[in-house]
Protein backbone atom coordinates (compact mmCIF):
# COMPACT_ATOMS: atom_id res chain seq x y z
CA MET A 1 0.00 0.00 0.00
CA LYS A 2 2.84 2.39 0.88
CA ARG A 3 4.55 1.69 -2.44
CA LEU A 4 1.29 2.34 -4.29
CA PHE A 5 0.83 5.62 -2.46
CA LEU A 6 4.38 6.71 -3.26
CA ALA A 7 3.89 5.76 -6.92
CA LEU A 8 0.68 7.80 -7.15
CA ALA A 9 2.32 10.75 -5.42
CA GLY A 10 5.21 10.55 -7.89
CA CYS A 11 2.76 10.60 -10.82
CA LEU A 12 1.00 13.66 -9.43
CA ILE A 13 4.30 15.46 -8.91
CA ALA A 14 5.38 14.62 -12.47
CA MET A 15 2.06 15.90 -13.87
CA ALA A 16 2.35 19.13 -11.90
CA ALA A 17 5.92 19.60 -13.08
CA SER A 18 4.97 19.16 -16.73
CA ALA A 19 1.91 21.43 -16.50
CA GLN A 20 2.04 25.10 -17.34
CA THR A 21 -0.38 27.97 -16.86
CA LEU A 22 -1.06 30.85 -19.20
CA LYS A 23 1.01 33.98 -18.82
CA GLU A 24 -0.39 37.45 -19.34
CA GLY A 25 -0.41 38.38 -23.03
CA THR A 26 -0.42 34.79 -24.32
CA VAL A 27 -2.42 34.11 -27.48
CA PHE A 28 -3.46 30.50 -28.13
CA VAL A 29 -5.60 28.29 -30.36
CA ASN A 30 -7.67 25.41 -29.00
CA PRO A 31 -9.28 23.00 -31.51
CA SER A 32 -10.96 19.82 -30.22
CA LEU A 33 -13.07 16.82 -31.16
CA THR A 34 -16.25 16.55 -29.10
CA ASN A 35 -17.96 13.46 -27.76
CA LEU A 36 -15.14 11.03 -28.39
CA GLY A 37 -16.41 7.80 -26.87
CA PHE A 38 -19.41 9.18 -25.03
CA ASN A 39 -22.58 10.75 -26.38
CA SER A 40 -25.40 12.57 -24.68
CA PHE A 41 -27.59 14.96 -26.64
CA SER A 42 -31.01 15.52 -25.12
CA VAL A 43 -33.98 17.26 -26.76
CA LYS A 44 -37.28 17.73 -24.96
CA VAL A 45 -40.43 18.41 -27.01
CA SER A 46 -43.96 18.40 -25.57
CA GLY A 47 -42.84 16.52 -22.47
CA GLU A 48 -41.01 13.78 -24.40
CA THR A 49 -37.22 13.52 -24.21
CA THR A 50 -35.11 12.09 -27.03
CA SER A 51 -31.42 11.24 -26.79
CA ALA A 52 -29.10 11.00 -29.76
CA SER A 53 -25.56 10.05 -30.73
CA ARG A 54 -23.40 13.04 -31.58
CA ILE A 55 -19.96 14.00 -32.78
CA GLY A 56 -18.48 17.34 -33.70
CA LEU A 57 -15.55 19.69 -34.03
CA GLN A 58 -14.86 23.03 -32.44
CA ALA A 59 -12.08 25.55 -32.83
CA ARG A 60 -11.52 28.23 -30.24
CA GLY A 61 -8.88 30.77 -29.44
CA GLY A 62 -7.99 32.81 -26.42
CA TYR A 63 -6.03 35.71 -25.01
CA ALA A 64 -4.70 35.86 -21.44
CA LEU A 65 -5.79 39.14 -19.86
CA MET A 66 -3.64 38.27 -16.86
CA ASP A 67 -1.83 35.22 -15.56
CA ASP A 68 -4.19 32.21 -15.51
CA LEU A 69 -7.24 34.12 -16.83
CA ALA A 70 -8.15 34.21 -20.53
CA ILE A 71 -11.04 35.34 -22.68
CA MET A 72 -12.23 32.81 -25.28
CA ALA A 73 -14.09 32.86 -28.60
CA GLY A 74 -14.71 30.26 -31.26
CA LEU A 75 -16.82 28.31 -33.73
CA GLY A 76 -18.23 24.81 -33.62
CA TYR A 77 -20.10 22.30 -35.75
CA GLN A 78 -21.87 19.18 -34.52
CA SER A 79 -24.14 16.57 -36.03
CA ALA A 80 -26.52 14.17 -34.31
CA SER A 81 -28.80 11.36 -35.41
CA ALA A 82 -31.65 9.48 -33.75
CA GLU A 83 -34.75 7.60 -34.85
CA GLY A 84 -34.52 8.53 -38.51
CA SER A 85 -33.73 12.20 -37.86
CA ALA A 86 -30.48 14.05 -38.44
CA VAL A 87 -29.63 17.35 -36.78
CA SER A 88 -26.76 19.69 -37.63
CA PHE A 89 -25.75 22.41 -35.19
CA PHE A 90 -23.47 25.36 -36.01
CA ASN A 91 -22.52 27.64 -33.12
CA ILE A 92 -20.43 30.59 -32.05
CA ALA A 93 -19.26 31.01 -28.47
CA ALA A 94 -17.59 33.59 -26.26
CA GLY A 95 -16.52 33.35 -22.64
CA ALA A 96 -13.62 32.95 -20.25
CA ARG A 97 -11.24 30.34 -18.86
CA LYS A 98 -9.60 30.32 -15.42
CA TYR A 99 -6.70 28.11 -14.30
CA PHE A 100 -7.05 27.23 -10.63
CA MET A 101 -3.83 25.21 -10.37
CA PRO A 102 -1.13 24.18 -12.89
CA GLY A 103 -2.95 22.62 -15.84
CA LEU A 104 -6.40 22.41 -14.25
CA TYR A 105 -9.00 24.91 -15.48
CA GLY A 106 -12.69 25.74 -15.51
CA GLY A 107 -14.59 27.97 -17.91
CA ALA A 108 -17.94 29.30 -19.04
CA ASN A 109 -19.23 30.41 -22.44
CA LEU A 110 -22.32 32.00 -23.91
CA VAL A 111 -23.29 29.97 -26.99
CA TYR A 112 -25.52 30.93 -29.90
CA GLY A 113 -26.32 28.35 -32.54
CA THR A 114 -28.47 27.53 -35.53
CA LEU A 115 -30.04 24.11 -36.01
CA ASN A 116 -31.21 22.23 -39.06
CA SER A 117 -33.23 19.05 -38.62
CA LYS A 118 -33.98 16.58 -41.40
CA ASN A 119 -36.67 14.00 -40.67
CA LYS A 120 -37.16 10.93 -42.83
CA SER A 121 -40.25 8.77 -42.53
CA THR A 122 -39.94 5.05 -43.13
CA SER A 123 -41.39 3.38 -46.19
CA TYR A 124 -43.92 0.56 -45.84
CA TYR A 125 -46.19 -1.84 -47.73
CA ASP A 126 -49.97 -1.89 -47.47
CA ASP A 127 -51.87 -4.66 -49.32
CA ASP A 128 -48.84 -5.17 -51.54
CA ASP A 129 -48.75 -1.48 -52.40
CA TYR A 130 -45.46 0.28 -51.72
CA TYR A 131 -45.45 3.64 -49.98
CA GLY A 132 -42.12 5.44 -50.24
CA GLY A 133 -40.73 7.38 -47.33
CA SER A 134 -40.77 11.17 -47.32
CA SER A 135 -38.44 13.73 -45.83
CA SER A 136 -38.84 17.18 -44.33
CA SER A 137 -36.49 19.86 -43.04
CA THR A 138 -36.89 22.35 -40.20
CA ASN A 139 -34.68 25.15 -38.91
CA GLY A 140 -34.20 26.69 -35.50
CA ASN A 141 -31.86 28.57 -33.19
CA THR A 142 -30.67 28.33 -29.63
CA LEU A 143 -29.03 30.47 -26.98
CA GLY A 144 -27.35 28.65 -24.12
CA ILE A 145 -24.76 28.74 -21.38
CA GLU A 146 -21.89 26.25 -21.37
CA VAL A 147 -19.66 25.33 -18.43
CA ASN A 148 -16.54 23.23 -18.86
CA ALA A 149 -13.53 21.84 -17.03
CA GLY A 150 -10.36 20.21 -18.26
CA TYR A 151 -6.65 19.64 -17.91
CA SER A 152 -3.90 21.04 -20.16
CA TYR A 153 -1.03 18.56 -20.20
CA PHE A 154 1.91 20.25 -21.92
CA LEU A 155 4.12 17.94 -23.97
CA SER A 156 6.37 20.87 -24.88
CA LYS A 157 6.64 24.55 -24.03
CA HIS A 158 3.89 25.51 -26.48
CA PHE A 159 1.85 22.35 -27.16
CA ALA A 160 -0.56 20.51 -24.84
CA VAL A 161 -3.06 17.68 -25.04
CA GLU A 162 -6.33 18.72 -23.43
CA PRO A 163 -9.06 16.31 -22.26
CA SER A 164 -12.17 18.07 -20.96
CA VAL A 165 -15.88 17.78 -20.23
CA SER A 166 -18.58 20.36 -20.90
CA TYR A 167 -22.29 20.85 -20.37
CA MET A 168 -24.51 23.25 -22.29
CA TYR A 169 -27.99 24.21 -21.11
CA GLY A 170 -30.30 25.84 -23.64
CA LEU A 171 -31.75 29.05 -22.23
CA SER A 172 -33.94 29.61 -25.29
CA THR A 173 -34.33 27.12 -28.12
CA LYS A 174 -36.89 27.31 -30.92
CA VAL A 175 -37.44 25.04 -33.91
CA SER A 176 -40.03 26.18 -36.46
CA GLY A 177 -41.33 28.64 -33.87
CA GLN A 178 -41.83 25.91 -31.24
CA LYS A 179 -39.95 26.10 -27.95
CA ILE A 180 -37.99 22.98 -27.04
CA GLY A 181 -35.69 21.99 -24.20
CA LEU A 182 -32.06 21.37 -25.15
CA SER A 183 -29.12 20.11 -23.11
CA VAL A 184 -25.76 18.78 -24.31
CA PHE A 185 -23.11 16.93 -22.31
CA SER A 186 -19.76 16.40 -24.03
CA VAL A 187 -16.56 14.50 -23.43
CA ASN A 188 -13.85 16.21 -25.47
CA ILE A 189 -10.29 15.60 -26.54
CA GLY A 190 -8.31 18.43 -28.07
CA PHE A 191 -5.08 20.32 -27.92
CA ILE A 192 -3.85 23.80 -27.20
CA TYR A 193 -1.05 25.61 -28.99
CA LYS A 194 0.39 28.78 -27.51
CA LEU A 195 1.40 31.46 -29.99
CA ASP A 196 3.35 33.61 -27.55
CA ASN A 197 6.51 32.71 -29.43
CA VAL A 198 4.89 34.21 -32.55
CA ILE A 199 2.68 37.00 -31.27
CA SER A 200 2.10 38.69 -27.91
CA PHE A 201 0.22 41.79 -26.83
CA LYS A 202 1.86 42.04 -23.45
CA LYS A 203 3.39 45.44 -22.85
């Protein structure tokens, strides 16, 4: 047990030693793949909740106003499918990120997105007559708040692998004029690249 404890302590010390925080004036980019291995996309319409599989990409950037505190902005695209329906979601986001200890951060973003849903009905036979399936498309928009947490593990001075989790709650979501409930939980894997060796606004 003592050896196991010492081994775990050594791992934690090594992780802390390899972690870095953002310095004032740092500019960085932060692309990531969302929902790698876990999916949870929940839509609530007229009291009924539907879950869907989802995958997407997002690209964000940031600027450190001071040590360990950065403002963030970015774009994202996600697609989901469930029960014969496909939904695409394009969003823009703006917010902030705060490092609480080396490598470990939390953040919040305001997210605005547009949705497009394509529904396809199934085809069937009735008395040997074939009825082909039909499709329809609807559009909508959403405004939500996203909270996230993650860890920036720096492999070099400027490059880090960044696993994280995030949850978005739809404050106002409408599809074809109908209000719906929307919540999105994501498990993300991405990376961060600091551009302070290229550009810096620090005085």
